[in-house]
């Protein structure tokens, strides 16, 4: 993980720039977002549940705007493998305009636009993709430790570019990706024991497997095969929790070749084995022991 804060960035309006590559499932507690946070999903997926039961899903190439005081629970309290970046802005602080190309009035106006857009998911524009990728490459080049003056200047320009892109133009809201994922999920769960191939899924949309695979990865940030596995693993939680199926029954009901393979994937995505999960279910008063998002 790389964190850059105001002292290094020399931008008072930016409270934090964070970059993380999650290579294995990582336990996560409730998130409390301060100021205005933009979370960018570079690769992979991220699902949050928010007060009221709403789920926010981020796919590759998307970002979410949240504001001060928003709380989030990551689905199943586990952050699955992914690559992401977050930027925390505070355009309302005294002297926030210092070091930027904005006046105080412009910062307040754009900050209010961001606050009004909070709790929404958007596709990154081409310009935003450029800024995000450049900042990520520059910060990772030195692992965030000693960044040259020239590179730091480019990062500051990128931060102001992202701020302008997110606050001063109407982003393209991400509805097509969510709809595509919803249709694939319905297709997989209609016959969960059947192992649908990419050819099967592409045929459903009347597309060639090659074109469909490239399109899905471009829109979601993960492969179609990985998405299908995630759908089945989320369904396995429901089967063990709501239908009390044992591990072997669950594995075969979802078309896994063996309970061992199922257990390996389950731990990769959820950070605990199916056996550990079922042990929690069988513990007296287990609803107090399970993470919030595992509860019925």
Protein backbone atom coordinates (compact mmCIF):
# COMPACT_ATOMS: atom_id res chain seq x y z
CA UNK A 1 0.00 0.00 0.00
CA UNK A 2 1.20 3.52 -0.87
CA UNK A 3 -0.11 6.58 0.98
CA UNK A 4 0.71 10.17 0.08
CA UNK A 5 -0.48 12.90 2.45
CA UNK A 6 -0.49 16.75 2.40
CA UNK A 7 3.11 17.07 3.63
CA UNK A 8 4.43 15.29 0.54
CA UNK A 9 1.80 16.45 -1.92
CA UNK A 10 1.99 20.11 -0.88
CA UNK A 11 -1.72 20.44 -1.65
CA UNK A 12 -3.84 21.34 1.34
CA UNK A 13 -7.09 20.37 -0.37
CA UNK A 14 -5.88 16.74 -0.79
CA UNK A 15 -5.90 14.88 2.53
CA UNK A 16 -4.72 11.53 1.15
CA UNK A 17 -3.83 9.69 -2.03
CA UNK A 18 -3.83 5.91 -1.57
CA UNK A 19 -2.92 3.06 -3.90
CA UNK A 20 -3.30 -0.62 -3.10
CA UNK A 21 -2.92 -3.91 -4.95
CA UNK A 22 -4.79 -6.59 -2.99
CA UNK A 23 -3.25 -9.92 -3.97
CA UNK A 24 -5.20 -12.10 -1.55
CA UNK A 25 -8.43 -11.76 0.40
CA UNK A 26 -8.01 -9.20 3.17
CA UNK A 27 -10.34 -8.85 6.20
CA UNK A 28 -11.89 -5.38 6.35
CA UNK A 29 -13.86 -3.64 9.08
CA UNK A 30 -16.51 -0.96 8.64
CA UNK A 31 -15.28 1.98 6.59
CA UNK A 32 -15.94 5.57 7.72
CA UNK A 33 -15.24 8.07 4.97
CA UNK A 34 -14.05 11.55 5.82
CA UNK A 35 -14.37 14.67 3.69
CA UNK A 36 -14.98 13.78 0.01
CA UNK A 37 -13.54 10.45 -1.10
CA UNK A 38 -13.22 9.23 -4.67
CA UNK A 39 -12.54 5.48 -4.88
CA UNK A 40 -11.29 4.23 -8.26
CA UNK A 41 -11.43 0.53 -9.19
CA UNK A 42 -8.52 -0.11 -11.56
CA UNK A 43 -8.90 -3.88 -11.73
CA UNK A 44 -11.31 -6.28 -10.01
CA UNK A 45 -14.55 -5.59 -8.17
CA UNK A 46 -15.59 -4.12 -4.83
CA UNK A 47 -19.01 -4.36 -3.18
CA UNK A 48 -20.11 -2.15 -0.29
CA UNK A 49 -23.32 -2.32 1.70
CA UNK A 50 -24.51 0.98 3.12
CA UNK A 51 -27.09 1.87 5.78
CA UNK A 52 -30.53 0.98 4.48
CA UNK A 53 -29.34 -2.24 2.81
CA UNK A 54 -28.27 -0.71 -0.52
CA UNK A 55 -25.30 -2.34 -2.25
CA UNK A 56 -22.76 -0.29 -4.19
CA UNK A 57 -20.67 -2.29 -6.66
CA UNK A 58 -17.51 -1.00 -8.29
CA UNK A 59 -16.07 -2.72 -11.36
CA UNK A 60 -12.84 -2.00 -13.18
CA UNK A 61 -12.91 1.41 -14.85
CA UNK A 62 -15.46 2.84 -12.40
CA UNK A 63 -15.31 5.17 -9.42
CA UNK A 64 -17.55 6.08 -6.51
CA UNK A 65 -18.01 9.45 -4.81
CA UNK A 66 -18.64 9.47 -1.06
CA UNK A 67 -18.82 12.31 1.44
CA UNK A 68 -17.96 12.97 5.07
CA UNK A 69 -19.80 10.68 7.45
CA UNK A 70 -20.74 7.95 4.95
CA UNK A 71 -20.23 4.46 6.44
CA UNK A 72 -19.69 1.26 4.46
CA UNK A 73 -19.39 -2.46 5.14
CA UNK A 74 -17.42 -4.36 2.52
CA UNK A 75 -19.45 -7.37 1.39
CA UNK A 76 -18.63 -10.36 3.64
CA UNK A 77 -16.15 -8.12 5.50
CA UNK A 78 -13.45 -9.27 3.07
CA UNK A 79 -11.74 -7.29 0.33
CA UNK A 80 -11.17 -9.69 -2.58
CA UNK A 81 -8.10 -9.43 -4.83
CA UNK A 82 -8.23 -6.14 -6.75
CA UNK A 83 -6.30 -3.00 -7.61
CA UNK A 84 -7.68 0.35 -6.46
CA UNK A 85 -6.87 3.98 -5.76
CA UNK A 86 -8.57 6.51 -3.52
CA UNK A 87 -8.26 10.27 -3.17
CA UNK A 88 -9.63 12.23 -0.21
CA UNK A 89 -10.37 15.87 -0.95
CA UNK A 90 -11.31 18.66 1.45
CA UNK A 91 -12.01 21.69 -0.77
CA UNK A 92 -13.81 23.43 2.11
CA UNK A 93 -10.81 23.81 4.45
CA UNK A 94 -9.23 27.19 5.06
CA UNK A 95 -6.53 27.86 2.46
CA UNK A 96 -7.48 24.78 0.37
CA UNK A 97 -6.88 26.77 -2.82
CA UNK A 98 -3.16 27.20 -2.07
CA UNK A 99 -0.96 25.33 -4.53
CA UNK A 100 -3.87 24.71 -6.91
CA UNK A 101 -5.02 26.46 -10.07
CA UNK A 102 -8.42 27.23 -8.50
CA UNK A 103 -9.83 30.22 -6.66
CA UNK A 104 -11.55 29.69 -3.31
CA UNK A 105 -14.93 30.28 -4.98
CA UNK A 106 -14.22 27.69 -7.70
CA UNK A 107 -13.16 25.08 -5.13
CA UNK A 108 -16.34 25.60 -3.11
CA UNK A 109 -18.51 25.29 -6.20
CA UNK A 110 -16.83 22.10 -7.41
CA UNK A 111 -16.78 20.67 -3.88
CA UNK A 112 -20.53 21.18 -3.60
CA UNK A 113 -21.01 19.44 -6.96
CA UNK A 114 -19.12 16.42 -5.62
CA UNK A 115 -21.15 16.36 -2.40
CA UNK A 116 -24.36 16.39 -4.47
CA UNK A 117 -23.06 13.41 -6.51
CA UNK A 118 -22.15 11.27 -3.50
CA UNK A 119 -23.15 7.60 -3.19
CA UNK A 120 -23.10 7.27 -6.99
CA UNK A 121 -20.98 5.07 -9.29
CA UNK A 122 -19.62 6.42 -12.57
CA UNK A 123 -17.46 5.32 -15.48
CA UNK A 124 -14.05 6.96 -15.66
CA UNK A 125 -13.62 9.32 -18.61
CA UNK A 126 -10.62 8.89 -20.95
CA UNK A 127 -8.94 11.89 -19.32
CA UNK A 128 -9.52 10.45 -15.85
CA UNK A 129 -8.06 7.10 -16.95
CA UNK A 130 -4.94 8.95 -18.08
CA UNK A 131 -4.54 10.87 -14.80
CA UNK A 132 -5.19 7.80 -12.62
CA UNK A 133 -2.78 5.55 -14.51
CA UNK A 134 -0.03 8.19 -14.59
CA UNK A 135 -0.31 8.96 -10.86
CA UNK A 136 -0.31 5.26 -10.06
CA UNK A 137 2.78 4.58 -12.21
CA UNK A 138 4.69 7.56 -10.77
CA UNK A 139 3.90 6.68 -7.15
CA UNK A 140 4.65 2.96 -7.59
CA UNK A 141 7.93 3.67 -9.41
CA UNK A 142 9.47 4.79 -6.13
CA UNK A 143 7.07 2.83 -3.90
CA UNK A 144 5.87 6.19 -2.58
CA UNK A 145 9.11 6.83 -0.63
CA UNK A 146 11.20 9.38 -2.47
CA UNK A 147 9.42 10.86 -5.46
CA UNK A 148 11.35 13.33 -7.60
CA UNK A 149 10.20 16.95 -7.75
CA UNK A 150 9.25 16.58 -11.41
CA UNK A 151 7.19 13.42 -10.76
CA UNK A 152 5.51 14.99 -7.72
CA UNK A 153 4.56 17.98 -9.85
CA UNK A 154 2.94 15.64 -12.39
CA UNK A 155 1.05 13.89 -9.57
CA UNK A 156 -0.28 17.25 -8.35
CA UNK A 157 -1.42 18.09 -11.89
CA UNK A 158 -3.12 14.67 -12.04
CA UNK A 159 -4.93 15.31 -8.75
CA UNK A 160 -6.27 18.64 -9.98
CA UNK A 161 -7.25 17.02 -13.30
CA UNK A 162 -9.22 14.29 -11.51
CA UNK A 163 -10.90 16.91 -9.33
CA UNK A 164 -11.98 18.88 -12.40
CA UNK A 165 -13.16 15.77 -14.26
CA UNK A 166 -15.25 14.49 -11.37
CA UNK A 167 -16.71 17.83 -10.26
CA UNK A 168 -17.05 19.98 -13.37
CA UNK A 169 -18.60 17.66 -15.92
CA UNK A 170 -21.44 15.17 -15.87
CA UNK A 171 -19.84 11.71 -15.82
CA UNK A 172 -21.29 8.83 -17.78
CA UNK A 173 -23.18 6.87 -15.15
CA UNK A 174 -22.34 3.17 -15.07
CA UNK A 175 -25.60 1.42 -15.86
CA UNK A 176 -24.60 -0.83 -18.79
CA UNK A 177 -21.93 -2.70 -16.79
CA UNK A 178 -24.29 -3.36 -13.89
CA UNK A 179 -26.98 -4.60 -16.30
CA UNK A 180 -24.52 -6.87 -18.10
CA UNK A 181 -23.37 -8.38 -14.79
CA UNK A 182 -26.96 -8.81 -13.64
CA UNK A 183 -27.87 -10.76 -16.79
CA UNK A 184 -24.82 -13.03 -16.51
CA UNK A 185 -25.60 -13.65 -12.82
CA UNK A 186 -29.17 -14.67 -13.68
CA UNK A 187 -27.86 -16.95 -16.43
CA UNK A 188 -25.38 -18.66 -14.07
CA UNK A 189 -27.87 -19.12 -11.21
CA UNK A 190 -30.61 -20.46 -13.50
CA UNK A 191 -28.56 -23.69 -13.68
CA UNK A 192 -25.90 -23.34 -10.97
CA UNK A 193 -24.67 -26.95 -11.27
CA UNK A 194 -23.90 -26.41 -14.93
CA UNK A 195 -20.46 -25.07 -15.75
CA UNK A 196 -21.22 -22.49 -18.40
CA UNK A 197 -18.35 -21.82 -20.77
CA UNK A 198 -17.49 -18.40 -22.16
CA UNK A 199 -18.85 -19.70 -25.46
CA UNK A 200 -22.20 -20.46 -23.77
CA UNK A 201 -22.45 -17.01 -22.20
CA UNK A 202 -21.29 -15.21 -25.35
CA UNK A 203 -23.88 -17.16 -27.36
CA UNK A 204 -26.62 -15.89 -25.04
CA UNK A 205 -25.72 -12.34 -26.11
CA UNK A 206 -25.24 -13.41 -29.77
CA UNK A 207 -21.58 -12.42 -29.67
CA UNK A 208 -18.38 -14.24 -30.53
CA UNK A 209 -16.47 -15.56 -27.46
CA UNK A 210 -13.41 -13.43 -28.30
CA UNK A 211 -15.33 -10.19 -28.69
CA UNK A 212 -17.47 -10.86 -25.61
CA UNK A 213 -14.44 -11.70 -23.45
CA UNK A 214 -12.62 -8.50 -24.43
CA UNK A 215 -15.74 -6.38 -23.95
CA UNK A 216 -16.51 -7.83 -20.53
CA UNK A 217 -12.94 -7.38 -19.25
CA UNK A 218 -12.84 -3.81 -20.59
CA UNK A 219 -16.12 -2.92 -18.85
CA UNK A 220 -15.73 -4.82 -15.57
CA UNK A 221 -11.98 -5.05 -15.02
CA UNK A 222 -12.05 -8.83 -14.55
CA UNK A 223 -12.46 -11.83 -16.85
CA UNK A 224 -15.89 -13.34 -17.44
CA UNK A 225 -14.65 -16.63 -15.95
CA UNK A 226 -13.58 -14.87 -12.75
CA UNK A 227 -16.96 -13.12 -12.52
CA UNK A 228 -18.78 -16.47 -12.85
CA UNK A 229 -16.67 -17.92 -10.03
CA UNK A 230 -17.51 -14.91 -7.82
CA UNK A 231 -21.24 -15.36 -8.52
CA UNK A 232 -21.05 -19.02 -7.52
CA UNK A 233 -19.05 -18.32 -4.38
CA UNK A 234 -21.55 -15.68 -3.24
CA UNK A 235 -24.33 -18.19 -3.89
CA UNK A 236 -22.43 -20.79 -1.80
CA UNK A 237 -22.70 -18.49 1.22
CA UNK A 238 -26.48 -18.39 0.79
CA UNK A 239 -26.73 -22.18 0.40
CA UNK A 240 -24.74 -22.90 3.56
CA UNK A 241 -26.45 -20.18 5.55
CA UNK A 242 -30.08 -20.34 4.43
CA UNK A 243 -30.42 -23.94 3.21
CA UNK A 244 -27.97 -25.49 5.70
CA UNK A 245 -26.15 -27.44 3.00
CA UNK A 246 -22.85 -29.02 3.97
CA UNK A 247 -19.63 -28.22 2.14
CA UNK A 248 -19.73 -31.17 -0.28
CA UNK A 249 -23.40 -30.60 -1.13
CA UNK A 250 -22.72 -26.93 -1.74
CA UNK A 251 -19.70 -27.62 -3.94
CA UNK A 252 -21.54 -30.09 -6.20
CA UNK A 253 -24.72 -28.00 -6.29
CA UNK A 254 -22.65 -25.22 -7.83
CA UNK A 255 -20.77 -27.41 -10.30
CA UNK A 256 -17.35 -27.42 -8.62
CA UNK A 257 -15.27 -30.46 -9.52
CA UNK A 258 -14.45 -31.21 -5.87
CA UNK A 259 -15.04 -29.88 -2.38
CA UNK A 260 -11.28 -29.26 -2.07
CA UNK A 261 -11.24 -26.99 -5.13
CA UNK A 262 -14.33 -25.20 -3.85
CA UNK A 263 -12.68 -24.66 -0.44
CA UNK A 264 -9.54 -23.25 -2.05
CA UNK A 265 -11.52 -20.69 -4.06
CA UNK A 266 -13.76 -19.85 -1.09
CA UNK A 267 -10.76 -18.96 1.07
CA UNK A 268 -9.16 -16.96 -1.75
CA UNK A 269 -12.20 -14.70 -2.06
CA UNK A 270 -13.55 -14.64 1.50
CA UNK A 271 -10.43 -15.06 3.62
CA UNK A 272 -11.81 -18.06 5.55
CA UNK A 273 -12.51 -21.67 4.63
CA UNK A 274 -16.06 -23.03 4.20
CA UNK A 275 -15.45 -25.15 7.30
CA UNK A 276 -14.57 -22.05 9.36
CA UNK A 277 -17.69 -20.37 8.04
CA UNK A 278 -19.91 -23.33 8.95
CA UNK A 279 -18.31 -23.50 12.40
CA UNK A 280 -19.45 -19.92 12.96
CA UNK A 281 -22.94 -20.88 11.81
CA UNK A 282 -23.11 -23.76 14.29
CA UNK A 283 -21.86 -21.69 17.23
CA UNK A 284 -24.59 -20.75 19.76
CA UNK A 285 -25.71 -17.18 19.13
CA UNK A 286 -23.70 -17.28 15.92
CA UNK A 287 -25.41 -14.18 14.58
CA UNK A 288 -23.35 -12.22 17.08
CA UNK A 289 -20.16 -13.94 15.92
CA UNK A 290 -20.57 -13.58 12.16
CA UNK A 291 -19.39 -10.47 10.36
CA UNK A 292 -22.31 -8.13 9.67
CA UNK A 293 -22.51 -8.95 5.97
CA UNK A 294 -22.64 -12.71 6.57
CA UNK A 295 -25.83 -12.37 8.61
CA UNK A 296 -29.26 -13.20 7.25
